[in-house]
Structure formats: C-alpha cells, structure tokens
Amino acid sequence: MLYQQPLYVSIRRPVRRVPRDSWAILAVVSLLGLAGQFTPWVTRRLPTVVAAGTATVLAIVNVSRSQAQAPLRECVARRYRECKRPAQVTMSSHGSRRGTIVQILLVASVLVAVGSVGYAIAAPEEGQSVTEFYLLTENESGDLVADNYPTEVQRGENRSLVVGIDNHEHERTTYTVVVELQRVASDASDTRIRDTRELHRFQTTLGHGESWRNQHTVTPRMTGERLRLHYRLYRGSTTPPLNRSAAYRELYLWLNVTEAR
C-alpha cells in the first residue's frame, strides 16, 4: 500500500487595516507642521495646511501600496513549513527596510522640531508693526496722565496738552501730526465737517522703539457746543490740501467753547 503525504494549502488574504507606517507618517508630518509654526519665513496657517495635506496624501499612497502588495496568496506544497518560511523571510526583510526608513524620518522630524523651538526661544518672532498715538495731560504733581482732558473752554483761553508717538514699526519712520478744531454735523450714518481751523502741525522722525512727546497749547478761536479737537497722524510728510482720509491714526476730544466773560 502506497503512502501518500498529506497536501497542505496555505491561503493568506490581505488584511484590511491601516498599516502602522501610515501612523508614523502622520506623526512625522505633524511634527514638521509644529516646527513650521516657529519659522520666520512662513505664515502660521501655511505649515498647518501643508502638514495636513502631506499627511493625507502620504497615508493614502502608503495604504494603496500595502493593499496592492498583498494580493491573494496561495501556496501549494507537500509540507507547510516549506511554503511558509520563504514568505516570512521575504515579508520580514521588506518590512524591516521600510521600518528603518520611517524611523530615520521620525528622528529627523523630532530634531527639526526641537531645533525650531530652540530658534524661537533664542530669536523670538517680531511682533506686529504698530504706532502708538496718544494724548496726555499734566496733573497737579506734574505727572503726565491720560485723564482730566479739557471739556469746557472759553474762546481765546489756553489749554495745555501733550501729544505722543511711540514707534514700533521695526523701521525708521517720519510722522506728521495735524491738529484741527472742527465744527461738525452728525446724523445716524455720517459726520460732516462744516467748519475747520488748523491749530498746529508737527513733524518728527523716530527709529524703532523710540518715543516722541510734544507739549503744546490749544487756543480755540471759534465758539459752539461739541466742537471737535481732532488730531491726525500721518506717515511721512503732508502738503496742502490735507487728505483727511489718508490719516494713519486719529484722536479727538469734544469741547464746549463759550465766549470769554
């Protein structure tokens, strides 16, 4: 009686799950996006969008390749070990190479993220460019305060005010200040200037971080209720006629000016 060895059939079907490399890709690109938040040559939205888009594309490509490389495997052999061992060696070798590449990318991304954070600490990002424009008065002790502004003034009466500028534009800037006393008519949708008198015009040039304060005297020459003492700040010089809509900053006080007794 002839002895026939049993026939073993090993069928391996593809596993429908996200490969571990895809999660590694997500981690790598996320760290790169975080590092991009601290770099001075991109905006804050750009690194987030690029990181999310890159992670999505790489994950899709990686899943597609994994599914394509795992077709229905059918192995027919006399002995099960003879079939299984070569497949295991091949898959282990392929997975090892891919895992090494992912690990290298992960380490590189961590180094980039740490370096970016260190750069942000050593050289902080410059703040927003801005110019501070303000009015001050002098109190009884001689200190300058943002309080006790004049509201009731007689015609021809002198009132002292201090106008100030702080330059935070990260560049040397020339400023012009124009002071006007205006009679205005207001309604629900608009404010119209009916009469105006220019009182002062100042000009100064400041470097980044420098400040300028100028004490001056306001002497009203028109009378009326709710006259507007208007301060306009321009970058650069101004020439007549004055373009009021081009002012860089504006301040104003409301004055009631009566006839002198």
C-alpha atoms as a PDB file:
ATOM      1  CA  MET A   1       0.000   0.000   0.000  1.00  0.00           C
ATOM      2  CA  LEU A   2       1.455   3.264  -1.071  1.00  0.00           C
ATOM      3  CA  TYR A   3       1.794   6.090   1.474  1.00  0.00           C
ATOM      4  CA  GLN A   4       0.879   9.496   0.251  1.00  0.00           C
ATOM      5  CA  GLN A   5       1.902  12.533   2.285  1.00  0.00           C
ATOM      6  CA  PRO A   6      -0.919  14.994   3.042  1.00  0.00           C
ATOM      7  CA  LEU A   7      -1.183  18.062   0.904  1.00  0.00           C
ATOM      8  CA  TYR A   8      -1.138  21.365   2.793  1.00  0.00           C
ATOM      9  CA  VAL A   9      -2.630  24.508   1.301  1.00  0.00           C
ATOM     10  CA  SER A  10      -1.881  27.899   2.825  1.00  0.00           C
ATOM     11  CA  ILE A  11      -4.034  30.796   1.675  1.00  0.00           C
ATOM     12  CA  ARG A  12      -3.269  34.269   3.046  1.00  0.00           C
ATOM     13  CA  ARG A  13      -5.738  37.022   2.361  1.00  0.00           C
ATOM     14  CA  PRO A  14      -4.858  40.722   2.619  1.00  0.00           C
ATOM     15  CA  VAL A  15      -5.618  42.333   5.953  1.00  0.00           C
ATOM     16  CA  ARG A  16      -7.913  45.341   5.533  1.00  0.00           C
ATOM     17  CA  ARG A  17      -6.415  47.716   8.054  1.00  0.00           C
ATOM     18  CA  VAL A  18      -4.297  50.832   8.063  1.00  0.00           C
ATOM     19  CA  PRO A  19      -0.572  49.960   8.089  1.00  0.00           C
ATOM     20  CA  ARG A  20       1.470  51.076  11.055  1.00  0.00           C
ATOM     21  CA  ASP A  21       3.692  53.104   8.722  1.00  0.00           C
ATOM     22  CA  SER A  22       0.748  55.408   7.996  1.00  0.00           C
ATOM     23  CA  TRP A  23       0.518  56.363  11.652  1.00  0.00           C
ATOM     24  CA  ALA A  24       4.247  57.026  11.635  1.00  0.00           C
ATOM     25  CA  ILE A  25       3.823  59.271   8.590  1.00  0.00           C
ATOM     26  CA  LEU A  26       1.102  61.209  10.401  1.00  0.00           C
ATOM     27  CA  ALA A  27       3.402  61.672  13.399  1.00  0.00           C
ATOM     28  CA  VAL A  28       6.337  62.818  11.241  1.00  0.00           C
ATOM     29  CA  VAL A  29       4.365  65.366   9.221  1.00  0.00           C
ATOM     30  CA  SER A  30       2.574  66.666  12.335  1.00  0.00           C
ATOM     31  CA  LEU A  31       5.914  67.368  13.991  1.00  0.00           C
ATOM     32  CA  LEU A  32       7.104  69.155  10.862  1.00  0.00           C
ATOM     33  CA  GLY A  33       3.945  71.257  10.892  1.00  0.00           C
ATOM     34  CA  LEU A  34       4.596  72.139  14.534  1.00  0.00           C
ATOM     35  CA  ALA A  35       8.139  73.129  13.660  1.00  0.00           C
ATOM     36  CA  GLY A  36       6.818  75.336  10.870  1.00  0.00           C
ATOM     37  CA  GLN A  37       4.896  77.390  13.420  1.00  0.00           C
ATOM     38  CA  PHE A  38       8.191  78.740  14.770  1.00  0.00           C
ATOM     39  CA  THR A  39       9.923  79.503  11.492  1.00  0.00           C
ATOM     40  CA  PRO A  40      10.081  83.174  10.423  1.00  0.00           C
ATOM     41  CA  TRP A  41       9.658  82.572   6.671  1.00  0.00           C
ATOM     42  CA  VAL A  42       6.127  81.194   6.638  1.00  0.00           C
ATOM     43  CA  THR A  43       2.782  82.299   7.939  1.00  0.00           C
ATOM     44  CA  ARG A  44       1.095  80.413  10.751  1.00  0.00           C
ATOM     45  CA  ARG A  45      -1.657  78.923   8.577  1.00  0.00           C
ATOM     46  CA  LEU A  46       0.655  77.606   5.883  1.00  0.00           C
ATOM     47  CA  PRO A  47       2.516  74.944   7.935  1.00  0.00           C
ATOM     48  CA  THR A  48      -0.743  73.523   9.270  1.00  0.00           C
ATOM     49  CA  VAL A  49      -2.296  73.239   5.795  1.00  0.00           C
ATOM     50  CA  VAL A  50       0.856  71.765   4.247  1.00  0.00           C
ATOM     51  CA  ALA A  51       1.290  69.264   7.089  1.00  0.00           C
ATOM     52  CA  ALA A  52      -2.323  68.089   6.946  1.00  0.00           C
ATOM     53  CA  GLY A  53      -2.319  67.787   3.163  1.00  0.00           C
ATOM     54  CA  THR A  54       1.023  65.981   3.027  1.00  0.00           C
ATOM     55  CA  ALA A  55      -0.014  63.559   5.775  1.00  0.00           C
ATOM     56  CA  THR A  56      -3.240  62.736   3.948  1.00  0.00           C
ATOM     57  CA  VAL A  57      -1.538  62.124   0.603  1.00  0.00           C
ATOM     58  CA  LEU A  58       1.276  60.017   2.064  1.00  0.00           C
ATOM     59  CA  ALA A  59      -1.138  57.951   4.144  1.00  0.00           C
ATOM     60  CA  ILE A  60      -3.354  57.257   1.093  1.00  0.00           C
ATOM     61  CA  VAL A  61      -0.335  56.304  -1.030  1.00  0.00           C
ATOM     62  CA  ASN A  62       1.034  54.058   1.699  1.00  0.00           C
ATOM     63  CA  VAL A  63      -2.280  52.244   2.226  1.00  0.00           C
ATOM     64  CA  SER A  64      -2.732  51.785  -1.532  1.00  0.00           C
ATOM     65  CA  ARG A  65       0.752  50.310  -1.915  1.00  0.00           C
ATOM     66  CA  SER A  66       0.219  47.983   1.030  1.00  0.00           C
ATOM     67  CA  GLN A  67      -3.047  46.694  -0.389  1.00  0.00           C
ATOM     68  CA  ALA A  68      -1.514  46.284  -3.840  1.00  0.00           C
ATOM     69  CA  GLN A  69       1.439  44.316  -2.446  1.00  0.00           C
ATOM     70  CA  ALA A  70      -0.791  41.934  -0.506  1.00  0.00           C
ATOM     71  CA  PRO A  71      -2.788  40.012  -3.152  1.00  0.00           C
ATOM     72  CA  LEU A  72      -4.460  36.752  -2.519  1.00  0.00           C
ATOM     73  CA  ARG A  73      -1.504  34.418  -1.722  1.00  0.00           C
ATOM     74  CA  GLU A  74      -1.945  30.784  -2.460  1.00  0.00           C
ATOM     75  CA  CYS A  75       0.813  28.323  -1.812  1.00  0.00           C
ATOM     76  CA  VAL A  76       0.556  24.649  -2.548  1.00  0.00           C
ATOM     77  CA  ALA A  77       3.300  22.370  -1.174  1.00  0.00           C
ATOM     78  CA  ARG A  78       3.814  18.998   0.320  1.00  0.00           C
ATOM     79  CA  ARG A  79       4.941  20.441   3.577  1.00  0.00           C
ATOM     80  CA  TYR A  80       3.511  23.573   5.179  1.00  0.00           C
ATOM     81  CA  ARG A  81       6.881  24.727   6.538  1.00  0.00           C
ATOM     82  CA  GLU A  82       8.480  24.733   3.113  1.00  0.00           C
ATOM     83  CA  CYS A  83       5.787  27.129   1.911  1.00  0.00           C
ATOM     84  CA  LYS A  84       5.603  29.421   4.890  1.00  0.00           C
ATOM     85  CA  ARG A  85       9.262  30.052   5.651  1.00  0.00           C
ATOM     86  CA  PRO A  86      10.256  31.804   2.357  1.00  0.00           C
ATOM     87  CA  ALA A  87       7.207  34.084   2.515  1.00  0.00           C
ATOM     88  CA  GLN A  88       8.022  35.053   6.098  1.00  0.00           C
ATOM     89  CA  VAL A  89      11.627  35.868   5.242  1.00  0.00           C
ATOM     90  CA  THR A  90      10.609  37.995   2.261  1.00  0.00           C
ATOM     91  CA  MET A  91       7.981  39.960   4.147  1.00  0.00           C
ATOM     92  CA  SER A  92      10.241  40.494   7.180  1.00  0.00           C
ATOM     93  CA  SER A  93      13.051  41.809   5.011  1.00  0.00           C
ATOM     94  CA  HIS A  94      10.728  44.207   3.168  1.00  0.00           C
ATOM     95  CA  GLY A  95       9.083  45.431   6.393  1.00  0.00           C
ATOM     96  CA  SER A  96      12.444  45.914   8.062  1.00  0.00           C
ATOM     97  CA  ARG A  97      13.713  48.192   5.299  1.00  0.00           C
ATOM     98  CA  ARG A  98      10.540  50.263   5.311  1.00  0.00           C
ATOM     99  CA  GLY A  99      10.509  50.474   9.108  1.00  0.00           C
ATOM    100  CA  THR A 100      14.102  51.716   9.118  1.00  0.00           C
ATOM    101  CA  ILE A 101      13.273  54.497   6.678  1.00  0.00           C
ATOM    102  CA  VAL A 102      10.283  55.583   8.748  1.00  0.00           C
ATOM    103  CA  GLN A 103      12.375  55.582  11.922  1.00  0.00           C
ATOM    104  CA  ILE A 104      15.002  57.765  10.265  1.00  0.00           C
ATOM    105  CA  LEU A 105      12.311  60.210   9.118  1.00  0.00           C
ATOM    106  CA  LEU A 106      10.800  60.257  12.607  1.00  0.00           C
ATOM    107  CA  VAL A 107      14.148  61.023  14.263  1.00  0.00           C
ATOM    108  CA  ALA A 108      14.885  63.742  11.679  1.00  0.00           C
ATOM    109  CA  SER A 109      11.493  65.373  12.231  1.00  0.00           C
ATOM    110  CA  VAL A 110      12.000  65.379  16.002  1.00  0.00           C
ATOM    111  CA  LEU A 111      15.387  67.061  15.548  1.00  0.00           C
ATOM    112  CA  VAL A 112      13.843  69.682  13.250  1.00  0.00           C
ATOM    113  CA  ALA A 113      11.032  70.358  15.736  1.00  0.00           C
ATOM    114  CA  VAL A 114      13.453  70.699  18.679  1.00  0.00           C
ATOM    115  CA  GLY A 115      15.727  72.959  16.653  1.00  0.00           C
ATOM    116  CA  SER A 116      12.810  75.159  15.603  1.00  0.00           C
ATOM    117  CA  VAL A 117      11.629  75.555  19.195  1.00  0.00           C
ATOM    118  CA  GLY A 118      15.177  76.444  20.236  1.00  0.00           C
ATOM    119  CA  TYR A 119      15.358  79.041  17.475  1.00  0.00           C
ATOM    120  CA  ALA A 120      12.030  80.528  18.572  1.00  0.00           C
ATOM    121  CA  ILE A 121      13.344  80.867  22.142  1.00  0.00           C
ATOM    122  CA  ALA A 122      16.716  82.311  21.125  1.00  0.00           C
ATOM    123  CA  ALA A 123      15.303  84.682  18.464  1.00  0.00           C
ATOM    124  CA  PRO A 124      11.618  85.450  19.172  1.00  0.00           C
ATOM    125  CA  GLU A 125       9.403  86.367  16.271  1.00  0.00           C
ATOM    126  CA  GLU A 126       8.960  90.076  15.749  1.00  0.00           C
ATOM    127  CA  GLY A 127       5.656  91.479  16.910  1.00  0.00           C
ATOM    128  CA  GLN A 128       3.106  93.241  14.784  1.00  0.00           C
ATOM    129  CA  SER A 129       4.143  96.597  13.353  1.00  0.00           C
ATOM    130  CA  VAL A 130       2.231  99.371  15.109  1.00  0.00           C
ATOM    131  CA  THR A 131       2.476 103.031  16.068  1.00  0.00           C
ATOM    132  CA  GLU A 132       1.052 104.222  19.379  1.00  0.00           C
ATOM    133  CA  PHE A 133      -0.600 107.644  19.176  1.00  0.00           C
ATOM    134  CA  TYR A 134      -1.998 109.254  22.332  1.00  0.00           C
ATOM    135  CA  LEU A 135      -2.901 112.433  24.237  1.00  0.00           C
ATOM    136  CA  LEU A 136      -1.842 113.215  27.795  1.00  0.00           C
ATOM    137  CA  THR A 137      -2.398 115.974  30.332  1.00  0.00           C
ATOM    138  CA  GLU A 138      -0.309 117.129  33.276  1.00  0.00           C
ATOM    139  CA  ASN A 139      -1.760 116.609  36.755  1.00  0.00           C
ATOM    140  CA  GLU A 140      -1.134 118.676  39.896  1.00  0.00           C
ATOM    141  CA  SER A 141       2.055 116.793  40.747  1.00  0.00           C
ATOM    142  CA  GLY A 142       3.497 117.312  37.268  1.00  0.00           C
ATOM    143  CA  ASP A 143       2.986 113.742  36.049  1.00  0.00           C
ATOM    144  CA  LEU A 144       1.617 113.021  32.581  1.00  0.00           C
ATOM    145  CA  VAL A 145      -1.651 111.090  32.692  1.00  0.00           C
ATOM    146  CA  ALA A 146      -4.357 110.015  30.252  1.00  0.00           C
ATOM    147  CA  ASP A 147      -7.046 111.808  32.229  1.00  0.00           C
ATOM    148  CA  ASN A 148      -8.598 115.201  33.047  1.00  0.00           C
ATOM    149  CA  TYR A 149      -8.953 116.312  29.443  1.00  0.00           C
ATOM    150  CA  PRO A 150     -10.494 119.759  28.941  1.00  0.00           C
ATOM    151  CA  THR A 151     -14.185 119.827  28.047  1.00  0.00           C
ATOM    152  CA  GLU A 152     -15.280 123.412  28.903  1.00  0.00           C
ATOM    153  CA  VAL A 153     -13.121 126.167  27.405  1.00  0.00           C
ATOM    154  CA  GLN A 154     -13.588 129.904  26.813  1.00  0.00           C
ATOM    155  CA  ARG A 155     -12.727 131.449  23.491  1.00  0.00           C
ATOM    156  CA  GLY A 156      -9.078 132.543  23.472  1.00  0.00           C
ATOM    157  CA  GLU A 157      -8.286 130.511  26.610  1.00  0.00           C
ATOM    158  CA  ASN A 158      -5.077 128.465  26.512  1.00  0.00           C
ATOM    159  CA  ARG A 159      -5.146 124.788  27.418  1.00  0.00           C
ATOM    160  CA  SER A 160      -2.029 122.626  27.531  1.00  0.00           C
ATOM    161  CA  LEU A 161      -1.961 119.118  26.075  1.00  0.00           C
ATOM    162  CA  VAL A 162       0.764 116.602  25.272  1.00  0.00           C
ATOM    163  CA  VAL A 163       0.662 114.543  22.076  1.00  0.00           C
ATOM    164  CA  GLY A 164       2.800 111.416  21.983  1.00  0.00           C
ATOM    165  CA  ILE A 165       4.052 108.879  19.454  1.00  0.00           C
ATOM    166  CA  ASP A 166       5.750 105.513  20.083  1.00  0.00           C
ATOM    167  CA  ASN A 167       7.305 103.862  17.035  1.00  0.00           C
ATOM    168  CA  HIS A 168       7.044 100.049  16.902  1.00  0.00           C
ATOM    169  CA  GLU A 169       7.169  99.768  13.107  1.00  0.00           C
ATOM    170  CA  HIS A 170      10.557  97.968  13.023  1.00  0.00           C
ATOM    171  CA  GLU A 171      11.882 100.732  10.795  1.00  0.00           C
ATOM    172  CA  ARG A 172      12.763 104.410  10.908  1.00  0.00           C
ATOM    173  CA  THR A 173       9.597 106.403  10.240  1.00  0.00           C
ATOM    174  CA  THR A 174       8.738 110.062   9.672  1.00  0.00           C
ATOM    175  CA  TYR A 175       5.483 111.259  11.242  1.00  0.00           C
ATOM    176  CA  THR A 176       3.377 114.383  10.780  1.00  0.00           C
ATOM    177  CA  VAL A 177       0.715 115.463  13.293  1.00  0.00           C
ATOM    178  CA  VAL A 178      -2.046 117.863  12.219  1.00  0.00           C
ATOM    179  CA  VAL A 179      -4.303 119.455  14.890  1.00  0.00           C
ATOM    180  CA  GLU A 180      -7.658 120.951  13.846  1.00  0.00           C
ATOM    181  CA  LEU A 181     -10.652 122.430  15.658  1.00  0.00           C
ATOM    182  CA  GLN A 182     -13.810 121.475  13.770  1.00  0.00           C
ATOM    183  CA  ARG A 183     -17.488 122.267  13.803  1.00  0.00           C
ATOM    184  CA  VAL A 184     -19.271 119.106  12.740  1.00  0.00           C
ATOM    185  CA  ALA A 185     -22.813 117.979  11.977  1.00  0.00           C
ATOM    186  CA  SER A 186     -23.651 114.382  12.802  1.00  0.00           C
ATOM    187  CA  ASP A 187     -26.520 112.097  11.944  1.00  0.00           C
ATOM    188  CA  ALA A 188     -27.111 108.383  12.263  1.00  0.00           C
ATOM    189  CA  SER A 189     -24.912 107.451   9.307  1.00  0.00           C
ATOM    190  CA  ASP A 190     -22.364 110.227   8.772  1.00  0.00           C
ATOM    191  CA  THR A 191     -20.376 113.060  10.342  1.00  0.00           C
ATOM    192  CA  ARG A 192     -19.797 116.114   8.161  1.00  0.00           C
ATOM    193  CA  ILE A 193     -17.243 118.866   8.797  1.00  0.00           C
ATOM    194  CA  ARG A 194     -18.941 122.246   8.450  1.00  0.00           C
ATOM    195  CA  ASP A 195     -16.030 124.458   9.539  1.00  0.00           C
ATOM    196  CA  THR A 196     -12.401 123.782  10.468  1.00  0.00           C
ATOM    197  CA  ARG A 197      -9.377 125.687  11.742  1.00  0.00           C
ATOM    198  CA  GLU A 198      -5.880 124.230  11.720  1.00  0.00           C
ATOM    199  CA  LEU A 199      -4.180 124.924  15.042  1.00  0.00           C
ATOM    200  CA  HIS A 200      -0.844 123.085  14.868  1.00  0.00           C
ATOM    201  CA  ARG A 201       1.316 120.932  12.649  1.00  0.00           C
ATOM    202  CA  PHE A 202       4.254 118.920  13.995  1.00  0.00           C
ATOM    203  CA  GLN A 203       6.772 116.624  12.332  1.00  0.00           C
ATOM    204  CA  THR A 204       9.304 114.163  13.751  1.00  0.00           C
ATOM    205  CA  THR A 205      11.348 111.145  12.674  1.00  0.00           C
ATOM    206  CA  LEU A 206      11.712 108.173  15.019  1.00  0.00           C
ATOM    207  CA  GLY A 207      13.640 104.920  14.921  1.00  0.00           C
ATOM    208  CA  HIS A 208      12.122 101.641  16.023  1.00  0.00           C
ATOM    209  CA  GLY A 209      11.445 101.704  19.770  1.00  0.00           C
ATOM    210  CA  GLU A 210      11.821 105.482  20.061  1.00  0.00           C
ATOM    211  CA  SER A 211       9.173 107.814  21.529  1.00  0.00           C
ATOM    212  CA  TRP A 212       8.274 111.456  21.000  1.00  0.00           C
ATOM    213  CA  ARG A 213       6.138 113.743  23.152  1.00  0.00           C
ATOM    214  CA  ASN A 214       5.299 117.351  22.425  1.00  0.00           C
ATOM    215  CA  GLN A 215       3.598 119.695  24.870  1.00  0.00           C
ATOM    216  CA  HIS A 216       1.590 122.353  23.076  1.00  0.00           C
ATOM    217  CA  THR A 217      -1.106 124.924  23.766  1.00  0.00           C
ATOM    218  CA  VAL A 218      -4.598 124.774  22.289  1.00  0.00           C
ATOM    219  CA  THR A 219      -6.336 128.143  21.891  1.00  0.00           C
ATOM    220  CA  PRO A 220      -9.880 127.905  20.435  1.00  0.00           C
ATOM    221  CA  ARG A 221     -10.919 130.738  18.104  1.00  0.00           C
ATOM    222  CA  MET A 222     -14.471 129.567  17.384  1.00  0.00           C
ATOM    223  CA  THR A 223     -17.378 129.035  19.742  1.00  0.00           C
ATOM    224  CA  GLY A 224     -20.036 126.363  19.950  1.00  0.00           C
ATOM    225  CA  GLU A 225     -21.096 123.172  21.637  1.00  0.00           C
ATOM    226  CA  ARG A 226     -19.405 119.878  20.849  1.00  0.00           C
ATOM    227  CA  LEU A 227     -16.582 121.238  18.760  1.00  0.00           C
ATOM    228  CA  ARG A 228     -14.161 118.519  17.821  1.00  0.00           C
ATOM    229  CA  LEU A 229     -10.466 118.919  18.607  1.00  0.00           C
ATOM    230  CA  HIS A 230      -9.080 116.479  16.057  1.00  0.00           C
ATOM    231  CA  TYR A 231      -5.524 115.055  15.951  1.00  0.00           C
ATOM    232  CA  ARG A 232      -4.447 113.222  12.806  1.00  0.00           C
ATOM    233  CA  LEU A 233      -1.217 111.272  12.443  1.00  0.00           C
ATOM    234  CA  TYR A 234       0.335 110.753   9.005  1.00  0.00           C
ATOM    235  CA  ARG A 235       3.283 108.658   7.975  1.00  0.00           C
ATOM    236  CA  GLY A 236       5.656 110.868   6.016  1.00  0.00           C
ATOM    237  CA  SER A 237       5.108 114.499   5.126  1.00  0.00           C
ATOM    238  CA  THR A 238       1.815 116.153   4.167  1.00  0.00           C
ATOM    239  CA  THR A 239       1.215 119.001   1.772  1.00  0.00           C
ATOM    240  CA  PRO A 240      -1.940 121.066   1.171  1.00  0.00           C
ATOM    241  CA  PRO A 241      -4.661 120.239   0.504  1.00  0.00           C
ATOM    242  CA  LEU A 242      -4.880 117.926   3.510  1.00  0.00           C
ATOM    243  CA  ASN A 243      -6.123 114.411   2.703  1.00  0.00           C
ATOM    244  CA  ARG A 244      -8.060 113.577   5.876  1.00  0.00           C
ATOM    245  CA  SER A 245      -8.938 110.058   4.771  1.00  0.00           C
ATOM    246  CA  ALA A 246      -5.239 109.143   4.460  1.00  0.00           C
ATOM    247  CA  ALA A 247      -4.529 109.581   8.175  1.00  0.00           C
ATOM    248  CA  TYR A 248      -2.678 106.670   9.770  1.00  0.00           C
ATOM    249  CA  ARG A 249      -4.057 107.284  13.296  1.00  0.00           C
ATOM    250  CA  GLU A 250      -6.707 109.642  14.721  1.00  0.00           C
ATOM    251  CA  LEU A 251      -7.606 111.090  18.121  1.00  0.00           C
ATOM    252  CA  TYR A 252     -10.188 113.669  19.114  1.00  0.00           C
ATOM    253  CA  LEU A 253     -11.719 115.478  22.079  1.00  0.00           C
ATOM    254  CA  TRP A 254     -15.131 117.144  22.326  1.00  0.00           C
ATOM    255  CA  LEU A 255     -15.058 120.750  23.549  1.00  0.00           C
ATOM    256  CA  ASN A 256     -17.743 123.233  24.522  1.00  0.00           C
ATOM    257  CA  VAL A 257     -16.298 126.656  23.710  1.00  0.00           C
ATOM    258  CA  THR A 258     -18.072 129.749  25.055  1.00  0.00           C
ATOM    259  CA  GLU A 259     -17.425 133.481  24.723  1.00  0.00           C
ATOM    260  CA  ALA A 260     -14.947 134.978  27.193  1.00  0.00           C
ATOM    261  CA  ARG A 261     -16.561 136.704  30.163  1.00  0.00           C
END
